[in-house]
C-alpha atoms as a PDB file:
ATOM      1  CA  MET A   1     -12.326 -10.180  14.142  1.00  0.00           C
ATOM      2  CA  ARG A   2      -8.704 -10.818  12.908  1.00  0.00           C
ATOM      3  CA  LEU A   3      -7.597  -7.264  13.744  1.00  0.00           C
ATOM      4  CA  GLU A   4      -9.671  -6.234  16.851  1.00  0.00           C
ATOM      5  CA  GLY A   5      -7.686  -3.759  18.710  1.00  0.00           C
ATOM      6  CA  ARG A   6      -5.239  -3.019  16.266  1.00  0.00           C
ATOM      7  CA  VAL A   7      -3.868   0.402  15.102  1.00  0.00           C
ATOM      8  CA  ALA A   8      -3.610   0.666  11.238  1.00  0.00           C
ATOM      9  CA  LEU A   9      -2.236   3.525   9.010  1.00  0.00           C
ATOM     10  CA  VAL A  10      -3.043   3.126   5.236  1.00  0.00           C
ATOM     11  CA  THR A  11      -1.544   5.676   2.789  1.00  0.00           C
ATOM     12  CA  GLY A  12      -3.126   6.621  -0.021  1.00  0.00           C
ATOM     13  CA  ALA A  13      -6.624   5.777   1.347  1.00  0.00           C
ATOM     14  CA  ALA A  14      -8.174   8.304  -0.976  1.00  0.00           C
ATOM     15  CA  GLY A  15      -9.776   5.901  -3.174  1.00  0.00           C
ATOM     16  CA  GLY A  16      -9.068   2.424  -4.715  1.00  0.00           C
ATOM     17  CA  ILE A  17      -7.170  -0.381  -3.019  1.00  0.00           C
ATOM     18  CA  GLY A  18      -6.256   2.388  -0.030  1.00  0.00           C
ATOM     19  CA  ALA A  19      -9.921   2.624   0.640  1.00  0.00           C
ATOM     20  CA  ALA A  20     -10.554  -0.675   0.402  1.00  0.00           C
ATOM     21  CA  THR A  21      -7.991  -1.745   2.417  1.00  0.00           C
ATOM     22  CA  ALA A  22      -9.431   1.101   5.370  1.00  0.00           C
ATOM     23  CA  ARG A  23     -12.899  -0.200   5.053  1.00  0.00           C
ATOM     24  CA  ARG A  24     -11.754  -3.840   5.176  1.00  0.00           C
ATOM     25  CA  PHE A  25      -9.543  -3.334   8.026  1.00  0.00           C
ATOM     26  CA  ALA A  26     -12.280  -1.320  10.007  1.00  0.00           C
ATOM     27  CA  ARG A  27     -14.588  -4.482   9.523  1.00  0.00           C
ATOM     28  CA  GLU A  28     -11.806  -6.428  11.269  1.00  0.00           C
ATOM     29  CA  GLY A  29     -12.082  -4.631  14.288  1.00  0.00           C
ATOM     30  CA  ALA A  30      -9.049  -2.256  13.612  1.00  0.00           C
ATOM     31  CA  LEU A  31      -8.533   1.490  14.512  1.00  0.00           C
ATOM     32  CA  VAL A  32      -7.698   2.941  11.166  1.00  0.00           C
ATOM     33  CA  ALA A  33      -5.731   6.222  10.214  1.00  0.00           C
ATOM     34  CA  VAL A  34      -6.238   7.306   6.668  1.00  0.00           C
ATOM     35  CA  ASN A  35      -3.537   9.111   4.671  1.00  0.00           C
ATOM     36  CA  ASP A  36      -3.499  11.011   1.451  1.00  0.00           C
ATOM     37  CA  THR A  37      -2.662  14.387   0.134  1.00  0.00           C
ATOM     38  CA  ALA A  38      -5.960  15.776   0.016  1.00  0.00           C
ATOM     39  CA  ALA A  39      -8.320  15.716   3.121  1.00  0.00           C
ATOM     40  CA  ASP A  40     -11.646  16.078   1.914  1.00  0.00           C
ATOM     41  CA  PRO A  41     -11.980  12.350   0.622  1.00  0.00           C
ATOM     42  CA  LEU A  42     -10.242  11.087   3.305  1.00  0.00           C
ATOM     43  CA  GLU A  43     -12.800  12.709   5.837  1.00  0.00           C
ATOM     44  CA  ARG A  44     -15.712  11.568   3.731  1.00  0.00           C
ATOM     45  CA  LEU A  45     -14.124   7.967   4.248  1.00  0.00           C
ATOM     46  CA  ALA A  46     -13.479   8.610   7.927  1.00  0.00           C
ATOM     47  CA  GLY A  47     -16.876   9.557   8.212  1.00  0.00           C
ATOM     48  CA  GLU A  48     -18.142   6.300   6.777  1.00  0.00           C
ATOM     49  CA  LEU A  49     -16.106   4.266   8.894  1.00  0.00           C
ATOM     50  CA  ARG A  50     -17.266   6.107  12.051  1.00  0.00           C
ATOM     51  CA  ALA A  51     -20.951   5.495  10.709  1.00  0.00           C
ATOM     52  CA  ALA A  52     -20.060   2.003  10.662  1.00  0.00           C
ATOM     53  CA  GLY A  53     -19.102   2.078  14.178  1.00  0.00           C
ATOM     54  CA  ALA A  54     -15.096   1.924  13.692  1.00  0.00           C
ATOM     55  CA  LYS A  55     -12.648   4.730  15.150  1.00  0.00           C
ATOM     56  CA  ALA A  56     -10.896   6.602  12.364  1.00  0.00           C
ATOM     57  CA  LEU A  57      -8.512   9.503  12.055  1.00  0.00           C
ATOM     58  CA  VAL A  58      -7.548  11.484   9.208  1.00  0.00           C
ATOM     59  CA  VAL A  59      -3.786  12.160   8.758  1.00  0.00           C
ATOM     60  CA  ALA A  60      -3.430  13.948   5.483  1.00  0.00           C
ATOM     61  CA  GLY A  61       0.146  14.314   4.550  1.00  0.00           C
ATOM     62  CA  ASP A  62       3.283  14.025   1.684  1.00  0.00           C
ATOM     63  CA  VAL A  63       4.637  10.690   2.106  1.00  0.00           C
ATOM     64  CA  THR A  64       7.854  12.144   0.164  1.00  0.00           C
ATOM     65  CA  LYS A  65       8.306  14.493   2.915  1.00  0.00           C
ATOM     66  CA  ARG A  66      10.019  13.367   6.137  1.00  0.00           C
ATOM     67  CA  PRO A  67       8.478  16.041   8.389  1.00  0.00           C
ATOM     68  CA  GLU A  68       4.919  15.215   7.186  1.00  0.00           C
ATOM     69  CA  VAL A  69       5.344  11.470   7.461  1.00  0.00           C
ATOM     70  CA  GLU A  70       6.927  11.593  11.122  1.00  0.00           C
ATOM     71  CA  ARG A  71       3.981  14.334  12.196  1.00  0.00           C
ATOM     72  CA  MET A  72       1.326  11.293  10.658  1.00  0.00           C
ATOM     73  CA  VAL A  73       2.882   8.719  12.484  1.00  0.00           C
ATOM     74  CA  ARG A  74       2.921  10.856  15.765  1.00  0.00           C
ATOM     75  CA  GLU A  75      -0.661  11.852  15.360  1.00  0.00           C
ATOM     76  CA  VAL A  76      -1.483   8.250  15.297  1.00  0.00           C
ATOM     77  CA  THR A  77       0.206   7.398  18.324  1.00  0.00           C
ATOM     78  CA  GLN A  78      -1.214  10.414  19.980  1.00  0.00           C
ATOM     79  CA  ALA A  79      -4.459   9.426  18.869  1.00  0.00           C
ATOM     80  CA  PHE A  80      -4.301   5.944  19.755  1.00  0.00           C
ATOM     81  CA  GLY A  81      -1.575   4.910  21.739  1.00  0.00           C
ATOM     82  CA  TRP A  82       0.368   3.236  19.208  1.00  0.00           C
ATOM     83  CA  LEU A  83       0.768   1.699  15.701  1.00  0.00           C
ATOM     84  CA  ASP A  84       0.724  -2.219  14.885  1.00  0.00           C
ATOM     85  CA  ILE A  85      -0.070  -2.032  11.223  1.00  0.00           C
ATOM     86  CA  LEU A  86       1.491   0.366   8.337  1.00  0.00           C
ATOM     87  CA  VAL A  87       0.241  -0.558   4.620  1.00  0.00           C
ATOM     88  CA  ASN A  88       2.044   1.652   2.397  1.00  0.00           C
ATOM     89  CA  ASN A  89      -0.330   1.834  -0.387  1.00  0.00           C
ATOM     90  CA  ALA A  90       0.417   5.626  -1.858  1.00  0.00           C
ATOM     91  CA  GLY A  91       1.383   5.616  -5.466  1.00  0.00           C
ATOM     92  CA  ILE A  92       1.553   7.195  -8.714  1.00  0.00           C
ATOM     93  CA  ASN A  93       2.170   6.666 -12.231  1.00  0.00           C
ATOM     94  CA  ARG A  94       3.688   9.245 -14.922  1.00  0.00           C
ATOM     95  CA  ASP A  95       3.917   6.877 -18.149  1.00  0.00           C
ATOM     96  CA  ALA A  96       6.023   7.730 -20.951  1.00  0.00           C
ATOM     97  CA  MET A  97       8.899   5.817 -23.651  1.00  0.00           C
ATOM     98  CA  ALA A  98      12.041   5.896 -21.818  1.00  0.00           C
ATOM     99  CA  ALA A  99      13.333   7.674 -24.739  1.00  0.00           C
ATOM    100  CA  LYS A 100      11.033  10.785 -24.002  1.00  0.00           C
ATOM    101  CA  MET A 101      10.860  10.388 -19.991  1.00  0.00           C
ATOM    102  CA  THR A 102      11.575  13.568 -18.325  1.00  0.00           C
ATOM    103  CA  GLU A 103      13.624  14.027 -15.224  1.00  0.00           C
ATOM    104  CA  GLU A 104      10.384  15.199 -13.538  1.00  0.00           C
ATOM    105  CA  GLN A 105       8.476  11.973 -14.505  1.00  0.00           C
ATOM    106  CA  TRP A 106      11.254   9.736 -13.045  1.00  0.00           C
ATOM    107  CA  ASP A 107      11.752  11.668  -9.828  1.00  0.00           C
ATOM    108  CA  ALA A 108       8.018  12.123  -9.124  1.00  0.00           C
ATOM    109  CA  VAL A 109       7.166   8.386  -9.427  1.00  0.00           C
ATOM    110  CA  LEU A 110      10.454   7.309  -7.345  1.00  0.00           C
ATOM    111  CA  ASP A 111       9.688   9.904  -4.564  1.00  0.00           C
ATOM    112  CA  VAL A 112       6.045   8.534  -4.272  1.00  0.00           C
ATOM    113  CA  ASN A 113       6.487   5.061  -4.919  1.00  0.00           C
ATOM    114  CA  LEU A 114       9.946   4.001  -3.457  1.00  0.00           C
ATOM    115  CA  LYS A 115      11.073   6.854  -1.146  1.00  0.00           C
ATOM    116  CA  GLY A 116       7.438   7.486   0.416  1.00  0.00           C
ATOM    117  CA  THR A 117       7.824   3.711   1.351  1.00  0.00           C
ATOM    118  CA  PHE A 118      10.677   3.983   2.795  1.00  0.00           C
ATOM    119  CA  LEU A 119      10.003   7.312   4.750  1.00  0.00           C
ATOM    120  CA  CYS A 120       6.904   5.558   6.332  1.00  0.00           C
ATOM    121  CA  ALA A 121       8.362   2.335   6.881  1.00  0.00           C
ATOM    122  CA  GLN A 122      11.451   4.050   8.801  1.00  0.00           C
ATOM    123  CA  ALA A 123       9.049   6.439  11.026  1.00  0.00           C
ATOM    124  CA  ALA A 124       6.660   3.512  11.932  1.00  0.00           C
ATOM    125  CA  LEU A 125       9.206   0.574  12.671  1.00  0.00           C
ATOM    126  CA  PRO A 126      11.004   1.818  15.813  1.00  0.00           C
ATOM    127  CA  GLY A 127       7.590   1.865  17.542  1.00  0.00           C
ATOM    128  CA  MET A 128       6.836  -1.713  16.419  1.00  0.00           C
ATOM    129  CA  ARG A 129      10.288  -2.931  17.509  1.00  0.00           C
ATOM    130  CA  GLU A 130       9.808  -1.532  20.999  1.00  0.00           C
ATOM    131  CA  ARG A 131       6.454  -3.083  21.360  1.00  0.00           C
ATOM    132  CA  GLY A 132       7.637  -6.235  19.858  1.00  0.00           C
ATOM    133  CA  TRP A 133       4.972  -6.651  17.107  1.00  0.00           C
ATOM    134  CA  GLY A 134       4.118  -5.297  13.899  1.00  0.00           C
ATOM    135  CA  ARG A 135       3.325  -5.539  10.323  1.00  0.00           C
ATOM    136  CA  VAL A 136       4.178  -3.693   7.558  1.00  0.00           C
ATOM    137  CA  VAL A 137       2.684  -4.451   4.127  1.00  0.00           C
ATOM    138  CA  ASN A 138       4.427  -2.543   1.326  1.00  0.00           C
ATOM    139  CA  THR A 139       2.756  -2.290  -2.467  1.00  0.00           C
ATOM    140  CA  SER A 140       4.720  -3.282  -5.393  1.00  0.00           C
ATOM    141  CA  SER A 141       2.912  -4.305  -8.836  1.00  0.00           C
ATOM    142  CA  ILE A 142       2.949  -6.706 -11.502  1.00  0.00           C
ATOM    143  CA  GLY A 143       4.841  -3.896 -13.496  1.00  0.00           C
ATOM    144  CA  ALA A 144       7.874  -4.476 -11.388  1.00  0.00           C
ATOM    145  CA  LEU A 145       8.230  -7.305 -13.936  1.00  0.00           C
ATOM    146  CA  GLY A 146       8.734  -4.986 -16.575  1.00  0.00           C
ATOM    147  CA  ASN A 147       6.088  -2.853 -18.949  1.00  0.00           C
ATOM    148  CA  ILE A 148       6.556  -0.804 -21.689  1.00  0.00           C
ATOM    149  CA  GLY A 149       6.360   3.134 -21.271  1.00  0.00           C
ATOM    150  CA  GLN A 150       6.788   2.633 -17.273  1.00  0.00           C
ATOM    151  CA  ALA A 151      10.643   2.666 -16.979  1.00  0.00           C
ATOM    152  CA  ASN A 152      10.054   4.756 -13.628  1.00  0.00           C
ATOM    153  CA  TYR A 153       6.999   3.052 -12.117  1.00  0.00           C
ATOM    154  CA  ALA A 154       8.531  -0.492 -12.651  1.00  0.00           C
ATOM    155  CA  ALA A 155      11.869   0.539 -11.003  1.00  0.00           C
ATOM    156  CA  SER A 156      10.094   2.066  -8.253  1.00  0.00           C
ATOM    157  CA  LYS A 157       7.944  -1.305  -7.748  1.00  0.00           C
ATOM    158  CA  ALA A 158      10.905  -3.667  -8.003  1.00  0.00           C
ATOM    159  CA  GLY A 159      12.582  -1.324  -5.596  1.00  0.00           C
ATOM    160  CA  VAL A 160      10.133  -1.846  -3.253  1.00  0.00           C
ATOM    161  CA  ILE A 161      10.479  -5.524  -3.636  1.00  0.00           C
ATOM    162  CA  GLY A 162      14.274  -5.076  -2.231  1.00  0.00           C
ATOM    163  CA  LEU A 163      13.464  -2.765   0.387  1.00  0.00           C
ATOM    164  CA  THR A 164      10.919  -5.268   1.687  1.00  0.00           C
ATOM    165  CA  LYS A 165      12.877  -8.214   1.696  1.00  0.00           C
ATOM    166  CA  THR A 166      15.851  -6.442   3.526  1.00  0.00           C
ATOM    167  CA  LEU A 167      13.677  -4.607   6.218  1.00  0.00           C
ATOM    168  CA  ALA A 168      11.937  -8.228   6.627  1.00  0.00           C
ATOM    169  CA  LEU A 169      15.454  -9.466   7.443  1.00  0.00           C
ATOM    170  CA  GLU A 170      16.427  -6.203   9.643  1.00  0.00           C
ATOM    171  CA  TYR A 171      13.196  -6.452  11.670  1.00  0.00           C
ATOM    172  CA  ALA A 172      12.441 -10.186  11.880  1.00  0.00           C
ATOM    173  CA  LYS A 173      14.001 -10.783  15.356  1.00  0.00           C
ATOM    174  CA  TYR A 174      11.767  -8.102  16.965  1.00  0.00           C
ATOM    175  CA  GLY A 175       8.290  -9.538  16.025  1.00  0.00           C
ATOM    176  CA  VAL A 176       7.731  -7.466  13.192  1.00  0.00           C
ATOM    177  CA  THR A 177       6.939  -8.954   9.466  1.00  0.00           C
ATOM    178  CA  VAL A 178       7.448  -6.992   6.246  1.00  0.00           C
ATOM    179  CA  ASN A 179       5.565  -8.259   3.447  1.00  0.00           C
ATOM    180  CA  CYS A 180       4.886  -6.854  -0.181  1.00  0.00           C
ATOM    181  CA  VAL A 181       1.797  -7.241  -2.085  1.00  0.00           C
ATOM    182  CA  ALA A 182       1.962  -7.039  -6.119  1.00  0.00           C
ATOM    183  CA  PRO A 183      -1.562  -6.659  -7.554  1.00  0.00           C
ATOM    184  CA  GLY A 184      -2.200  -6.923 -11.052  1.00  0.00           C
ATOM    185  CA  ALA A 185      -4.825  -4.678 -13.027  1.00  0.00           C
ATOM    186  CA  THR A 186      -7.335  -3.444 -10.533  1.00  0.00           C
ATOM    187  CA  LEU A 187     -10.114  -1.520 -10.924  1.00  0.00           C
ATOM    188  CA  THR A 188      -8.728   1.705  -9.294  1.00  0.00           C
ATOM    189  CA  PRO A 189      -8.527   5.365 -10.505  1.00  0.00           C
ATOM    190  CA  MET A 190      -5.397   4.731 -11.882  1.00  0.00           C
ATOM    191  CA  LEU A 191      -6.851   2.338 -14.268  1.00  0.00           C
ATOM    192  CA  ALA A 192     -10.004   4.409 -15.085  1.00  0.00           C
ATOM    193  CA  GLY A 193      -8.346   6.707 -17.169  1.00  0.00           C
ATOM    194  CA  VAL A 194      -7.161   3.523 -19.560  1.00  0.00           C
ATOM    195  CA  PRO A 195      -8.986   3.362 -22.944  1.00  0.00           C
ATOM    196  CA  ASP A 196     -11.328   0.363 -23.132  1.00  0.00           C
ATOM    197  CA  HIS A 197      -9.304  -1.458 -26.102  1.00  0.00           C
ATOM    198  CA  ILE A 198      -6.382  -1.357 -23.911  1.00  0.00           C
ATOM    199  CA  LYS A 199      -8.056  -2.688 -20.766  1.00  0.00           C
ATOM    200  CA  GLU A 200      -9.645  -5.509 -23.346  1.00  0.00           C
ATOM    201  CA  LYS A 201      -5.875  -6.120 -24.179  1.00  0.00           C
ATOM    202  CA  ILE A 202      -5.099  -6.583 -20.652  1.00  0.00           C
ATOM    203  CA  VAL A 203      -7.730  -8.812 -19.765  1.00  0.00           C
ATOM    204  CA  ALA A 204      -6.741 -11.341 -22.545  1.00  0.00           C
ATOM    205  CA  GLN A 205      -3.341 -11.713 -20.479  1.00  0.00           C
ATOM    206  CA  ILE A 206      -5.073 -12.580 -17.365  1.00  0.00           C
ATOM    207  CA  PRO A 207      -5.578 -16.059 -16.896  1.00  0.00           C
ATOM    208  CA  VAL A 208      -8.856 -15.686 -14.404  1.00  0.00           C
ATOM    209  CA  GLY A 209     -10.100 -13.697 -17.250  1.00  0.00           C
ATOM    210  CA  ARG A 210     -11.113 -10.216 -15.421  1.00  0.00           C
ATOM    211  CA  ILE A 211      -9.781  -7.222 -13.487  1.00  0.00           C
ATOM    212  CA  ALA A 212      -9.697  -7.355  -9.724  1.00  0.00           C
ATOM    213  CA  ALA A 213     -11.821  -5.542  -7.612  1.00  0.00           C
ATOM    214  CA  PRO A 214      -9.806  -3.446  -4.648  1.00  0.00           C
ATOM    215  CA  ASP A 215     -11.663  -5.724  -1.937  1.00  0.00           C
ATOM    216  CA  GLU A 216      -9.523  -8.485  -3.180  1.00  0.00           C
ATOM    217  CA  ILE A 217      -6.284  -6.919  -2.851  1.00  0.00           C
ATOM    218  CA  ALA A 218      -7.568  -5.479   0.701  1.00  0.00           C
ATOM    219  CA  SER A 219      -8.482  -9.098   1.752  1.00  0.00           C
ATOM    220  CA  VAL A 220      -4.500  -9.898   1.348  1.00  0.00           C
ATOM    221  CA  HIS A 221      -3.512  -6.766   2.874  1.00  0.00           C
ATOM    222  CA  ALA A 222      -5.927  -8.237   5.911  1.00  0.00           C
ATOM    223  CA  PHE A 223      -4.170 -11.439   5.955  1.00  0.00           C
ATOM    224  CA  LEU A 224      -0.825  -9.994   6.055  1.00  0.00           C
ATOM    225  CA  ALA A 225      -1.716  -7.790   8.876  1.00  0.00           C
ATOM    226  CA  SER A 226      -2.930 -10.651  11.140  1.00  0.00           C
ATOM    227  CA  ASP A 227      -1.684 -12.726  13.522  1.00  0.00           C
ATOM    228  CA  GLU A 228      -2.225 -15.578  11.143  1.00  0.00           C
ATOM    229  CA  ALA A 229       0.701 -14.471   8.901  1.00  0.00           C
ATOM    230  CA  ALA A 230       3.209 -14.352  12.130  1.00  0.00           C
ATOM    231  CA  PHE A 231       5.395 -16.738   9.963  1.00  0.00           C
ATOM    232  CA  ILE A 232       5.327 -14.647   6.791  1.00  0.00           C
ATOM    233  CA  THR A 233       8.005 -12.222   6.177  1.00  0.00           C
ATOM    234  CA  GLY A 234       9.999 -10.809   3.209  1.00  0.00           C
ATOM    235  CA  GLN A 235       7.553 -12.276   0.723  1.00  0.00           C
ATOM    236  CA  VAL A 236       6.177 -10.682  -2.275  1.00  0.00           C
ATOM    237  CA  ILE A 237       2.344 -12.214  -3.288  1.00  0.00           C
ATOM    238  CA  PHE A 238       1.290 -11.455  -6.893  1.00  0.00           C
ATOM    239  CA  ALA A 239      -2.371 -10.947  -6.520  1.00  0.00           C
ATOM    240  CA  ASP A 240      -2.821 -10.863 -10.530  1.00  0.00           C
ATOM    241  CA  GLY A 241      -5.370 -13.489 -11.414  1.00  0.00           C
ATOM    242  CA  GLY A 242      -2.430 -15.784 -12.808  1.00  0.00           C
ATOM    243  CA  MET A 243      -0.521 -13.118 -14.763  1.00  0.00           C
ATOM    244  CA  SER A 244       2.816 -13.505 -13.629  1.00  0.00           C
ATOM    245  CA  VAL A 245       3.115 -16.916 -14.208  1.00  0.00           C
ATOM    246  CA  GLY A 246       3.674 -16.699 -17.769  1.00  0.00           C
ATOM    247  CA  ILE A 247       5.603 -13.588 -17.469  1.00  0.00           C
END
């Protein structure tokens, strides 16, 4: 198992890619802490992981609030002794055309997607530096390349790419890698509300001809979190079925 004995914190783990990543990490031998704003779905997920023989911890909290983020990391280290892997998966969208987008819609998306990623990394990285080993995997999106009606989302996800590259440069000499996964269309709760005719248009733009399963993104997370990816840092992997090639 690639992550045997490693301690991982996955944010935005109540469903979709985050839950799939927590399950994959547990199967790979990691001790997994799961985060989201609501505790109930996390408790169900943790119960599932424990029933399968894994060690799991629930650390509910808001990634946009520094005291809560610091508490989360502290609870993980108190429970498991340290933190090896951080997967910054928490994210939201508040779509609107730029001319009609409210300041509240802009702020909400930038706060969760970009500020939340920064705060979690800032809290986790000192311990990784001290131990001389760490993996941070951030979440961008194909939307970082631009998408109508998503000025806030695109800006936040492009910002995550810049943040990833900067942190990678700052922490490479300490044995810590920082990378980024940019999923394309994936079967998550965020996509579930999209009308079928829009989904059909999305699929038509994907060279492989289908939408991704959350497990497929979780597989990329597992690789980047492992020793196998020790020489990879500051990179963005577009897990998008080839959609970004033509953009």
